């Protein structure tokens, strides 16, 4: 069976004259979990944003190929990718239900699961009608994870996915990965072992300085 792949060829990104990473060639394939590691400020999030298409490379090529062998045009890469990251904001005037309905306008959710079921899985069913601005930081993170994990996209990018989560939140994170991400191409930026302990492969961004 063909797999969705994300391929970086001699990829490099710089800010001003400083290279964040350079000469990075790597292929990520669906059905696998990858950890991008490196000390704080080393460029993990920058690499993830380049893969997401929200930031351009200064050199090299990024190519996304779907399981039907179709190559995705650079301007359409975002349609194949879901992302959860600390720097992405929720629409805090909305309720959780409204936010997921709004998200549906941009990306479909996984088949055979409803928004009430999603909110039940992440233990937000009792707060479904409350504005997100009244949520705790942990509740907001659960919702961020849900909108990414339950999007019907072949590629899932997670940047420090357990930010603001307690021990129960960590268990939920592992449950979501185990139950809903087996066929996805999963890339996680983190130095926290509990967030990446299941990853098949690891890429240390420092190796590409």
N, C-alpha and C. Protein backbone atom coordinates (compact mmCIF):
# COMPACT_ATOMS: atom_id res chain seq x y z
N UNK A 1 0.84 -1.19 0.00
CA UNK A 1 0.00 0.00 0.00
C UNK A 1 0.88 1.25 0.00
N UNK A 2 0.55 2.20 -0.87
CA UNK A 2 1.31 3.44 -0.91
C UNK A 2 1.08 4.26 0.34
N UNK A 3 2.06 5.08 0.66
CA UNK A 3 1.98 5.90 1.87
C UNK A 3 2.07 7.37 1.51
N UNK A 4 1.49 8.19 2.37
CA UNK A 4 1.70 9.64 2.26
C UNK A 4 3.12 9.93 2.75
N UNK A 5 3.84 10.75 2.01
CA UNK A 5 5.20 11.09 2.42
C UNK A 5 5.41 12.60 2.40
N UNK A 6 6.24 13.07 3.31
CA UNK A 6 6.74 14.44 3.31
C UNK A 6 8.25 14.34 3.16
N UNK A 7 8.76 14.91 2.07
CA UNK A 7 10.19 14.78 1.77
C UNK A 7 10.86 16.15 1.75
N UNK A 8 11.92 16.28 2.54
CA UNK A 8 12.76 17.47 2.53
C UNK A 8 14.06 17.12 1.82
N UNK A 9 14.45 17.95 0.85
CA UNK A 9 15.68 17.71 0.10
C UNK A 9 16.58 18.92 0.22
N UNK A 10 17.73 18.73 0.90
CA UNK A 10 18.69 19.82 1.11
C UNK A 10 18.00 21.09 1.62
N UNK A 11 17.08 20.90 2.56
CA UNK A 11 16.28 22.02 3.06
C UNK A 11 17.09 22.90 4.02
N UNK A 12 16.88 24.20 3.91
CA UNK A 12 17.53 25.14 4.81
C UNK A 12 16.64 26.32 5.11
N UNK A 13 16.73 26.84 6.32
CA UNK A 13 15.97 28.02 6.73
C UNK A 13 16.88 28.94 7.53
N UNK A 14 16.86 30.22 7.18
CA UNK A 14 17.66 31.17 7.94
C UNK A 14 16.83 32.39 8.30
N UNK A 15 17.23 33.04 9.38
CA UNK A 15 16.71 34.34 9.75
C UNK A 15 17.87 35.31 9.70
N UNK A 16 17.72 36.36 8.89
CA UNK A 16 18.83 37.26 8.62
C UNK A 16 20.00 36.43 8.07
N UNK A 17 21.13 36.44 8.75
CA UNK A 17 22.27 35.67 8.24
C UNK A 17 22.50 34.36 8.99
N UNK A 18 21.67 34.08 9.96
CA UNK A 18 21.86 32.87 10.78
C UNK A 18 21.02 31.72 10.24
N UNK A 19 21.68 30.60 9.96
CA UNK A 19 20.97 29.42 9.50
C UNK A 19 20.38 28.68 10.71
N UNK A 20 19.08 28.44 10.67
CA UNK A 20 18.41 27.68 11.73
C UNK A 20 18.65 26.19 11.53
N UNK A 21 18.54 25.76 10.28
CA UNK A 21 18.96 24.41 9.88
C UNK A 21 19.35 24.48 8.41
N UNK A 22 20.15 23.51 7.98
CA UNK A 22 20.66 23.54 6.62
C UNK A 22 21.02 22.12 6.17
N UNK A 23 20.90 21.89 4.86
CA UNK A 23 21.25 20.60 4.25
C UNK A 23 20.52 19.44 4.93
N UNK A 24 19.23 19.66 5.17
CA UNK A 24 18.41 18.64 5.82
C UNK A 24 17.66 17.87 4.72
N UNK A 25 17.99 16.61 4.59
CA UNK A 25 17.29 15.71 3.66
C UNK A 25 16.69 14.57 4.47
N UNK A 26 15.38 14.41 4.36
CA UNK A 26 14.71 13.44 5.21
C UNK A 26 13.34 13.14 4.61
N UNK A 27 12.89 11.89 4.71
CA UNK A 27 11.55 11.51 4.26
C UNK A 27 10.75 10.97 5.43
N UNK A 28 9.60 11.57 5.65
CA UNK A 28 8.64 11.12 6.67
C UNK A 28 7.52 10.37 5.96
N UNK A 29 7.11 9.21 6.51
CA UNK A 29 6.09 8.38 5.86
C UNK A 29 4.94 8.09 6.82
N UNK A 30 3.73 8.05 6.26
CA UNK A 30 2.54 7.78 7.07
C UNK A 30 2.61 6.39 7.71
N UNK A 31 1.96 6.29 8.86
CA UNK A 31 2.01 5.06 9.65
C UNK A 31 3.16 5.04 10.62
N UNK A 32 4.00 6.08 10.59
CA UNK A 32 5.13 6.20 11.51
C UNK A 32 5.00 7.46 12.36
N UNK A 33 5.68 7.45 13.51
CA UNK A 33 5.72 8.60 14.40
C UNK A 33 7.15 9.08 14.51
N UNK A 34 7.36 10.37 14.32
CA UNK A 34 8.69 10.96 14.31
C UNK A 34 8.79 12.02 15.40
N UNK A 35 9.91 12.03 16.10
CA UNK A 35 10.19 13.07 17.09
C UNK A 35 11.28 13.99 16.55
N UNK A 36 11.01 15.29 16.60
CA UNK A 36 12.04 16.29 16.28
C UNK A 36 12.52 16.85 17.62
N UNK A 37 13.79 16.61 17.93
CA UNK A 37 14.34 17.03 19.22
C UNK A 37 15.41 18.11 19.03
N UNK A 38 15.88 18.65 20.15
CA UNK A 38 16.87 19.72 20.12
C UNK A 38 16.58 20.69 21.24
N UNK A 39 17.61 21.33 21.77
CA UNK A 39 17.43 22.22 22.92
C UNK A 39 16.50 23.38 22.57
N UNK A 40 15.98 24.05 23.59
CA UNK A 40 15.08 25.18 23.37
C UNK A 40 15.76 26.24 22.51
N UNK A 41 15.03 26.72 21.50
CA UNK A 41 15.59 27.73 20.62
C UNK A 41 16.42 27.18 19.48
N UNK A 42 16.47 25.85 19.36
CA UNK A 42 17.33 25.24 18.33
C UNK A 42 16.69 25.21 16.95
N UNK A 43 15.38 25.44 16.88
CA UNK A 43 14.73 25.49 15.57
C UNK A 43 13.70 24.41 15.31
N UNK A 44 13.30 23.67 16.33
CA UNK A 44 12.30 22.61 16.15
C UNK A 44 11.00 23.16 15.58
N UNK A 45 10.50 24.21 16.21
CA UNK A 45 9.22 24.79 15.78
C UNK A 45 9.34 25.40 14.38
N UNK A 46 10.49 25.98 14.09
CA UNK A 46 10.70 26.55 12.75
C UNK A 46 10.61 25.47 11.69
N UNK A 47 11.25 24.33 11.94
CA UNK A 47 11.17 23.21 10.99
C UNK A 47 9.73 22.75 10.83
N UNK A 48 9.01 22.65 11.92
CA UNK A 48 7.62 22.19 11.86
C UNK A 48 6.77 23.16 11.04
N UNK A 49 7.00 24.46 11.21
CA UNK A 49 6.23 25.45 10.45
C UNK A 49 6.59 25.41 8.96
N UNK A 50 7.84 25.08 8.66
CA UNK A 50 8.22 24.90 7.25
C UNK A 50 7.50 23.70 6.64
N UNK A 51 7.42 22.60 7.40
CA UNK A 51 6.71 21.42 6.93
C UNK A 51 5.23 21.74 6.74
N UNK A 52 4.67 22.55 7.64
CA UNK A 52 3.25 22.91 7.57
C UNK A 52 2.95 23.84 6.40
N UNK A 53 3.99 24.46 5.85
CA UNK A 53 3.78 25.38 4.74
C UNK A 53 3.50 26.80 5.17
N UNK A 54 3.53 27.06 6.49
CA UNK A 54 3.26 28.42 6.98
C UNK A 54 4.52 29.28 6.97
N UNK A 55 5.65 28.66 6.69
CA UNK A 55 6.93 29.36 6.60
C UNK A 55 7.71 28.75 5.44
N UNK A 56 8.28 29.58 4.60
CA UNK A 56 8.99 29.08 3.43
C UNK A 56 10.44 28.73 3.73
N UNK A 57 10.98 27.79 2.96
CA UNK A 57 12.40 27.46 3.05
C UNK A 57 13.21 28.52 2.31
N UNK A 58 14.45 28.71 2.73
CA UNK A 58 15.36 29.59 2.00
C UNK A 58 16.15 28.83 0.93
N UNK A 59 16.26 27.53 1.13
CA UNK A 59 16.88 26.70 0.10
C UNK A 59 16.34 25.29 0.23
N UNK A 60 16.47 24.53 -0.85
CA UNK A 60 15.98 23.16 -0.84
C UNK A 60 14.51 23.05 -1.22
N UNK A 61 14.00 21.83 -1.11
CA UNK A 61 12.64 21.52 -1.60
C UNK A 61 11.87 20.76 -0.53
N UNK A 62 10.59 21.11 -0.38
CA UNK A 62 9.63 20.35 0.43
C UNK A 62 8.60 19.77 -0.52
N UNK A 63 8.39 18.47 -0.46
CA UNK A 63 7.40 17.83 -1.33
C UNK A 63 6.50 16.93 -0.50
N UNK A 64 5.19 17.09 -0.70
CA UNK A 64 4.20 16.24 -0.04
C UNK A 64 3.54 15.39 -1.11
N UNK A 65 3.61 14.07 -0.93
CA UNK A 65 3.01 13.13 -1.89
C UNK A 65 1.98 12.28 -1.16
N UNK A 66 0.78 12.22 -1.71
CA UNK A 66 -0.31 11.48 -1.08
C UNK A 66 -0.22 10.00 -1.41
N UNK A 67 -1.03 9.21 -0.72
CA UNK A 67 -0.97 7.75 -0.89
C UNK A 67 -1.37 7.30 -2.29
N UNK A 68 -2.08 8.17 -3.04
CA UNK A 68 -2.42 7.82 -4.42
C UNK A 68 -1.35 8.30 -5.41
N UNK A 69 -0.18 8.67 -4.86
CA UNK A 69 0.98 9.14 -5.63
C UNK A 69 0.82 10.55 -6.21
N UNK A 70 -0.28 11.22 -5.85
CA UNK A 70 -0.45 12.61 -6.29
C UNK A 70 0.48 13.52 -5.48
N UNK A 71 1.20 14.40 -6.17
CA UNK A 71 2.05 15.37 -5.50
C UNK A 71 1.24 16.63 -5.21
N UNK A 72 1.29 17.11 -3.98
CA UNK A 72 0.49 18.25 -3.55
C UNK A 72 1.19 19.54 -3.95
N UNK A 73 0.44 20.44 -4.58
CA UNK A 73 0.99 21.75 -4.93
C UNK A 73 1.33 22.51 -3.66
N UNK A 74 2.44 23.25 -3.65
CA UNK A 74 2.88 23.95 -2.43
C UNK A 74 1.78 24.79 -1.78
N UNK A 75 0.96 25.44 -2.57
CA UNK A 75 -0.10 26.29 -2.01
C UNK A 75 -1.22 25.50 -1.36
N UNK A 76 -1.26 24.19 -1.59
CA UNK A 76 -2.34 23.36 -1.06
C UNK A 76 -1.88 22.40 0.04
N UNK A 77 -0.62 22.53 0.45
CA UNK A 77 -0.09 21.62 1.47
C UNK A 77 -0.91 21.71 2.75
N UNK A 78 -1.34 22.91 3.10
CA UNK A 78 -2.07 23.11 4.36
C UNK A 78 -3.33 22.26 4.43
N UNK A 79 -3.91 21.91 3.27
CA UNK A 79 -5.14 21.12 3.27
C UNK A 79 -4.90 19.68 3.74
N UNK A 80 -3.66 19.22 3.66
CA UNK A 80 -3.33 17.84 4.02
C UNK A 80 -2.76 17.72 5.43
N UNK A 81 -2.65 18.85 6.11
CA UNK A 81 -1.94 18.90 7.39
C UNK A 81 -2.81 19.50 8.49
N UNK A 82 -2.76 18.89 9.67
CA UNK A 82 -3.34 19.49 10.88
C UNK A 82 -2.22 19.73 11.86
N UNK A 83 -2.35 20.80 12.65
CA UNK A 83 -1.27 21.16 13.55
C UNK A 83 -1.82 21.63 14.89
N UNK A 84 -1.13 21.25 15.94
CA UNK A 84 -1.42 21.73 17.30
C UNK A 84 -0.12 22.30 17.85
N UNK A 85 -0.14 23.57 18.24
CA UNK A 85 1.07 24.23 18.70
C UNK A 85 0.73 25.33 19.70
N UNK A 86 1.65 25.63 20.63
CA UNK A 86 1.37 26.66 21.65
C UNK A 86 1.11 28.04 21.06
N UNK A 87 1.68 28.32 19.89
CA UNK A 87 1.56 29.66 19.30
C UNK A 87 0.30 29.81 18.45
N UNK A 88 -0.51 28.76 18.31
CA UNK A 88 -1.77 28.85 17.58
C UNK A 88 -2.90 29.11 18.57
N UNK A 89 -3.69 30.14 18.29
CA UNK A 89 -4.71 30.58 19.24
C UNK A 89 -6.07 29.99 18.90
N UNK A 90 -6.89 29.83 19.92
CA UNK A 90 -8.28 29.47 19.75
C UNK A 90 -9.12 30.74 19.60
N UNK A 91 -10.32 30.60 19.06
CA UNK A 91 -11.25 31.73 18.99
C UNK A 91 -12.02 31.76 20.31
N UNK A 92 -11.57 32.58 21.24
CA UNK A 92 -12.02 32.47 22.63
C UNK A 92 -13.44 32.98 22.86
N UNK A 93 -14.01 33.71 21.89
CA UNK A 93 -15.40 34.15 22.04
C UNK A 93 -16.39 33.03 21.71
N UNK A 94 -15.88 31.96 21.08
CA UNK A 94 -16.73 30.83 20.72
C UNK A 94 -16.81 29.82 21.86
N UNK A 95 -17.83 28.97 21.83
CA UNK A 95 -17.86 27.80 22.69
C UNK A 95 -17.06 26.69 22.01
N UNK A 96 -16.78 25.62 22.72
CA UNK A 96 -16.05 24.50 22.12
C UNK A 96 -16.82 23.92 20.94
N UNK A 97 -18.12 23.80 21.09
CA UNK A 97 -18.95 23.27 20.00
C UNK A 97 -18.88 24.19 18.79
N UNK A 98 -19.01 25.48 19.01
CA UNK A 98 -18.95 26.44 17.90
C UNK A 98 -17.58 26.43 17.23
N UNK A 99 -16.53 26.29 18.04
CA UNK A 99 -15.18 26.30 17.48
C UNK A 99 -14.96 25.10 16.56
N UNK A 100 -15.40 23.91 16.97
CA UNK A 100 -15.23 22.72 16.13
C UNK A 100 -16.11 22.80 14.89
N UNK A 101 -17.30 23.40 15.02
CA UNK A 101 -18.14 23.60 13.84
C UNK A 101 -17.49 24.58 12.86
N UNK A 102 -16.87 25.62 13.40
CA UNK A 102 -16.14 26.60 12.58
C UNK A 102 -14.97 25.93 11.88
N UNK A 103 -14.24 25.08 12.62
CA UNK A 103 -13.10 24.36 12.05
C UNK A 103 -13.54 23.46 10.89
N UNK A 104 -14.75 22.94 10.97
CA UNK A 104 -15.28 22.06 9.93
C UNK A 104 -15.38 22.77 8.57
N UNK A 105 -15.46 24.07 8.57
CA UNK A 105 -15.55 24.81 7.31
C UNK A 105 -14.23 24.75 6.54
N UNK A 106 -13.16 24.42 7.24
CA UNK A 106 -11.83 24.40 6.61
C UNK A 106 -11.31 22.98 6.38
N UNK A 107 -11.61 22.08 7.33
CA UNK A 107 -11.14 20.70 7.21
C UNK A 107 -12.19 19.76 7.77
N UNK A 108 -12.44 18.65 7.06
CA UNK A 108 -13.41 17.68 7.57
C UNK A 108 -12.88 16.95 8.80
N UNK A 109 -13.80 16.50 9.63
CA UNK A 109 -13.42 15.67 10.77
C UNK A 109 -13.39 14.20 10.35
N UNK A 110 -12.74 13.37 11.16
CA UNK A 110 -12.73 11.94 10.89
C UNK A 110 -14.15 11.42 10.77
N UNK A 111 -14.35 10.45 9.89
CA UNK A 111 -15.68 9.91 9.66
C UNK A 111 -16.17 9.15 10.89
N UNK A 112 -17.47 9.09 11.02
CA UNK A 112 -18.14 8.30 12.06
C UNK A 112 -17.86 8.78 13.47
N UNK A 113 -17.57 10.08 13.61
CA UNK A 113 -17.45 10.64 14.95
C UNK A 113 -18.03 12.05 14.93
N UNK A 114 -18.86 12.34 15.93
CA UNK A 114 -19.55 13.62 15.97
C UNK A 114 -18.84 14.58 16.92
N UNK A 115 -19.20 15.85 16.83
CA UNK A 115 -18.60 16.84 17.73
C UNK A 115 -18.93 16.54 19.19
N UNK A 116 -20.18 16.20 19.53
CA UNK A 116 -20.45 15.83 20.94
C UNK A 116 -19.60 14.65 21.41
N UNK A 117 -19.37 13.67 20.52
CA UNK A 117 -18.54 12.52 20.89
C UNK A 117 -17.09 12.95 21.14
N UNK A 118 -16.59 13.85 20.28
CA UNK A 118 -15.23 14.36 20.46
C UNK A 118 -15.09 15.06 21.82
N UNK A 119 -16.05 15.91 22.13
CA UNK A 119 -15.99 16.65 23.39
C UNK A 119 -16.10 15.70 24.59
N UNK A 120 -16.83 14.61 24.43
CA UNK A 120 -16.92 13.61 25.49
C UNK A 120 -15.58 12.91 25.68
N UNK A 121 -14.90 12.57 24.58
CA UNK A 121 -13.60 11.89 24.64
C UNK A 121 -12.57 12.74 25.38
N UNK A 122 -12.60 14.07 25.14
CA UNK A 122 -11.61 14.95 25.78
C UNK A 122 -12.13 15.58 27.08
N UNK A 123 -13.25 15.02 27.58
CA UNK A 123 -13.83 15.44 28.87
C UNK A 123 -14.20 16.92 28.93
N UNK A 124 -14.73 17.41 27.81
CA UNK A 124 -15.20 18.80 27.79
C UNK A 124 -16.71 18.87 27.52
N UNK A 125 -17.40 17.73 27.63
CA UNK A 125 -18.81 17.73 27.30
C UNK A 125 -19.61 18.66 28.20
N UNK A 126 -19.23 18.76 29.47
CA UNK A 126 -19.98 19.62 30.41
C UNK A 126 -19.71 21.10 30.17
N UNK A 127 -18.61 21.40 29.47
CA UNK A 127 -18.26 22.79 29.18
C UNK A 127 -18.49 23.14 27.71
N UNK A 128 -19.24 22.29 27.01
CA UNK A 128 -19.41 22.46 25.56
C UNK A 128 -20.05 23.79 25.20
N UNK A 129 -20.91 24.32 26.08
CA UNK A 129 -21.61 25.56 25.78
C UNK A 129 -21.00 26.79 26.44
N UNK A 130 -19.84 26.62 27.04
CA UNK A 130 -19.17 27.73 27.72
C UNK A 130 -18.14 28.37 26.78
N UNK A 131 -18.04 29.69 26.81
CA UNK A 131 -17.05 30.36 25.98
C UNK A 131 -15.63 29.90 26.36
N UNK A 132 -14.80 29.71 25.33
CA UNK A 132 -13.45 29.19 25.53
C UNK A 132 -12.63 30.11 26.44
N UNK A 133 -12.90 31.41 26.43
CA UNK A 133 -12.13 32.34 27.27
C UNK A 133 -12.28 32.04 28.76
N UNK A 134 -13.31 31.26 29.11
CA UNK A 134 -13.50 30.88 30.51
C UNK A 134 -12.84 29.54 30.84
N UNK A 135 -12.20 28.92 29.86
CA UNK A 135 -11.55 27.63 30.08
C UNK A 135 -10.22 27.81 30.80
N UNK A 136 -9.81 26.77 31.51
CA UNK A 136 -8.45 26.73 32.05
C UNK A 136 -7.48 26.47 30.91
N UNK A 137 -6.19 26.67 31.17
CA UNK A 137 -5.18 26.44 30.13
C UNK A 137 -5.17 24.97 29.70
N UNK A 138 -5.42 24.06 30.64
CA UNK A 138 -5.46 22.64 30.31
C UNK A 138 -6.64 22.29 29.43
N UNK A 139 -7.80 22.89 29.68
CA UNK A 139 -8.98 22.65 28.86
C UNK A 139 -8.75 23.16 27.44
N UNK A 140 -8.12 24.32 27.34
CA UNK A 140 -7.82 24.88 26.02
C UNK A 140 -6.88 23.95 25.24
N UNK A 141 -5.91 23.38 25.94
CA UNK A 141 -4.97 22.48 25.25
C UNK A 141 -5.66 21.21 24.78
N UNK A 142 -6.59 20.69 25.56
CA UNK A 142 -7.36 19.52 25.13
C UNK A 142 -8.12 19.82 23.84
N UNK A 143 -8.70 21.02 23.76
CA UNK A 143 -9.45 21.40 22.57
C UNK A 143 -8.53 21.58 21.37
N UNK A 144 -7.35 22.17 21.60
CA UNK A 144 -6.37 22.30 20.51
C UNK A 144 -5.97 20.94 19.97
N UNK A 145 -5.71 20.01 20.88
CA UNK A 145 -5.36 18.65 20.46
C UNK A 145 -6.48 18.01 19.66
N UNK A 146 -7.72 18.20 20.14
CA UNK A 146 -8.86 17.58 19.48
C UNK A 146 -9.03 18.08 18.06
N UNK A 147 -8.93 19.41 17.85
CA UNK A 147 -9.16 19.92 16.50
C UNK A 147 -8.09 19.43 15.53
N UNK A 148 -6.90 19.12 16.04
CA UNK A 148 -5.83 18.59 15.18
C UNK A 148 -5.98 17.09 14.96
N UNK A 149 -6.12 16.35 16.04
CA UNK A 149 -6.16 14.88 15.96
C UNK A 149 -7.38 14.39 15.18
N UNK A 150 -8.53 15.04 15.38
CA UNK A 150 -9.76 14.55 14.76
C UNK A 150 -10.01 15.14 13.37
N UNK A 151 -9.10 15.97 12.87
CA UNK A 151 -9.20 16.42 11.49
C UNK A 151 -8.82 15.27 10.55
N UNK A 152 -9.57 15.15 9.47
CA UNK A 152 -9.33 14.04 8.54
C UNK A 152 -8.25 14.45 7.54
N UNK A 153 -7.02 14.51 8.02
CA UNK A 153 -5.85 14.84 7.21
C UNK A 153 -4.81 13.74 7.37
N UNK A 154 -3.99 13.48 6.35
CA UNK A 154 -3.01 12.41 6.44
C UNK A 154 -1.79 12.76 7.28
N UNK A 155 -1.54 14.07 7.50
CA UNK A 155 -0.35 14.50 8.24
C UNK A 155 -0.77 15.27 9.49
N UNK A 156 -0.19 14.90 10.63
CA UNK A 156 -0.48 15.56 11.90
C UNK A 156 0.82 16.05 12.52
N UNK A 157 0.88 17.34 12.79
CA UNK A 157 2.06 17.97 13.38
C UNK A 157 1.72 18.45 14.80
N UNK A 158 2.52 18.04 15.77
CA UNK A 158 2.28 18.42 17.16
C UNK A 158 3.53 19.07 17.73
N UNK A 159 3.38 20.28 18.24
CA UNK A 159 4.50 21.01 18.84
C UNK A 159 4.25 21.10 20.34
N UNK A 160 5.08 20.42 21.13
CA UNK A 160 4.92 20.37 22.59
C UNK A 160 3.45 20.12 22.96
N UNK A 161 2.91 18.98 22.55
CA UNK A 161 1.47 18.73 22.64
C UNK A 161 0.89 18.66 24.04
N UNK A 162 1.71 18.46 25.06
CA UNK A 162 1.18 18.33 26.42
C UNK A 162 1.37 19.60 27.25
N UNK A 163 1.67 20.72 26.57
CA UNK A 163 1.76 22.00 27.26
C UNK A 163 0.50 22.24 28.08
N UNK A 164 0.67 22.55 29.36
CA UNK A 164 -0.44 22.87 30.28
C UNK A 164 -1.31 21.68 30.67
N UNK A 165 -0.91 20.47 30.30
CA UNK A 165 -1.69 19.30 30.66
C UNK A 165 -1.17 18.67 31.95
N UNK A 166 -2.10 18.15 32.76
CA UNK A 166 -1.74 17.44 33.98
C UNK A 166 -1.57 15.96 33.65
N UNK A 167 -1.41 15.15 34.67
CA UNK A 167 -1.15 13.72 34.46
C UNK A 167 -2.29 13.05 33.69
N UNK A 168 -3.52 13.44 34.02
CA UNK A 168 -4.67 12.90 33.29
C UNK A 168 -4.64 13.35 31.83
N UNK A 169 -4.19 14.58 31.60
CA UNK A 169 -4.06 15.10 30.24
C UNK A 169 -3.04 14.32 29.43
N UNK A 170 -1.94 13.93 30.08
CA UNK A 170 -0.92 13.11 29.40
C UNK A 170 -1.53 11.77 28.98
N UNK A 171 -2.34 11.19 29.86
CA UNK A 171 -2.99 9.91 29.53
C UNK A 171 -3.93 10.09 28.33
N UNK A 172 -4.66 11.20 28.32
CA UNK A 172 -5.55 11.48 27.20
C UNK A 172 -4.75 11.61 25.91
N UNK A 173 -3.65 12.33 25.96
CA UNK A 173 -2.79 12.50 24.78
C UNK A 173 -2.37 11.16 24.20
N UNK A 174 -1.88 10.26 25.05
CA UNK A 174 -1.45 8.95 24.57
C UNK A 174 -2.64 8.14 24.03
N UNK A 175 -3.79 8.30 24.66
CA UNK A 175 -4.99 7.61 24.17
C UNK A 175 -5.38 8.11 22.79
N UNK A 176 -5.33 9.42 22.57
CA UNK A 176 -5.67 9.98 21.26
C UNK A 176 -4.72 9.48 20.18
N UNK A 177 -3.43 9.48 20.50
CA UNK A 177 -2.44 9.00 19.53
C UNK A 177 -2.67 7.52 19.21
N UNK A 178 -2.89 6.74 20.25
CA UNK A 178 -3.05 5.29 20.09
C UNK A 178 -4.32 4.95 19.30
N UNK A 179 -5.40 5.67 19.55
CA UNK A 179 -6.70 5.31 18.97
C UNK A 179 -7.00 5.95 17.62
N UNK A 180 -6.37 7.09 17.33
CA UNK A 180 -6.80 7.85 16.15
C UNK A 180 -5.67 8.25 15.20
N UNK A 181 -4.44 7.86 15.49
CA UNK A 181 -3.32 8.35 14.67
C UNK A 181 -2.51 7.25 14.00
N UNK A 182 -2.99 6.01 14.06
CA UNK A 182 -2.19 4.90 13.55
C UNK A 182 -1.87 5.01 12.07
N UNK A 183 -2.78 5.57 11.30
CA UNK A 183 -2.58 5.65 9.85
C UNK A 183 -2.06 7.00 9.39
N UNK A 184 -1.86 7.90 10.33
CA UNK A 184 -1.38 9.24 9.99
C UNK A 184 0.14 9.29 9.97
N UNK A 185 0.66 10.31 9.32
CA UNK A 185 2.07 10.64 9.42
C UNK A 185 2.17 11.62 10.57
N UNK A 186 2.79 11.20 11.67
CA UNK A 186 2.80 11.98 12.91
C UNK A 186 4.20 12.51 13.20
N UNK A 187 4.34 13.83 13.30
CA UNK A 187 5.62 14.46 13.62
C UNK A 187 5.43 15.32 14.87
N UNK A 188 6.28 15.08 15.88
CA UNK A 188 6.14 15.75 17.17
C UNK A 188 7.43 16.48 17.52
N UNK A 189 7.32 17.75 17.83
CA UNK A 189 8.46 18.53 18.32
C UNK A 189 8.43 18.53 19.84
N UNK A 190 9.44 17.98 20.46
CA UNK A 190 9.47 17.96 21.93
C UNK A 190 10.81 17.43 22.44
N UNK A 191 11.16 17.87 23.64
CA UNK A 191 12.28 17.28 24.37
C UNK A 191 11.76 16.48 25.57
N UNK A 192 10.45 16.44 25.73
CA UNK A 192 9.82 15.77 26.86
C UNK A 192 9.59 14.30 26.50
N UNK A 193 10.29 13.41 27.17
CA UNK A 193 10.26 11.99 26.81
C UNK A 193 8.85 11.42 26.85
N UNK A 194 8.03 11.89 27.78
CA UNK A 194 6.67 11.36 27.88
C UNK A 194 5.80 11.75 26.68
N UNK A 195 6.22 12.74 25.91
CA UNK A 195 5.48 13.13 24.72
C UNK A 195 5.91 12.36 23.48
N UNK A 196 7.11 11.79 23.52
CA UNK A 196 7.68 11.18 22.30
C UNK A 196 8.16 9.75 22.52
N UNK A 197 7.81 9.14 23.65
CA UNK A 197 8.37 7.82 23.98
C UNK A 197 7.95 6.74 23.00
N UNK A 198 6.87 6.94 22.25
CA UNK A 198 6.37 5.94 21.30
C UNK A 198 6.88 6.16 19.89
N UNK A 199 7.64 7.20 19.64
CA UNK A 199 8.05 7.55 18.28
C UNK A 199 9.02 6.52 17.70
N UNK A 200 8.80 6.15 16.44
CA UNK A 200 9.65 5.16 15.76
C UNK A 200 11.02 5.74 15.43
N UNK A 201 11.05 7.02 15.07
CA UNK A 201 12.29 7.64 14.62
C UNK A 201 12.46 9.01 15.25
N UNK A 202 13.74 9.43 15.36
CA UNK A 202 14.03 10.74 15.96
C UNK A 202 15.00 11.51 15.07
N UNK A 203 14.74 12.79 14.96
CA UNK A 203 15.58 13.69 14.18
C UNK A 203 16.00 14.83 15.11
N UNK A 204 17.31 14.95 15.34
CA UNK A 204 17.83 16.03 16.20
C UNK A 204 18.19 17.21 15.32
N UNK A 205 17.47 18.31 15.47
CA UNK A 205 17.66 19.47 14.62
C UNK A 205 19.09 20.03 14.71
N UNK A 206 19.75 19.79 15.82
CA UNK A 206 21.11 20.30 16.01
C UNK A 206 22.08 19.66 15.03
N UNK A 207 21.74 18.47 14.53
CA UNK A 207 22.61 17.81 13.55
C UNK A 207 22.63 18.50 12.20
N UNK A 208 21.75 19.47 12.02
CA UNK A 208 21.65 20.15 10.71
C UNK A 208 21.94 21.65 10.82
N UNK A 209 22.82 21.99 11.72
CA UNK A 209 23.23 23.39 11.88
C UNK A 209 24.33 23.73 10.88
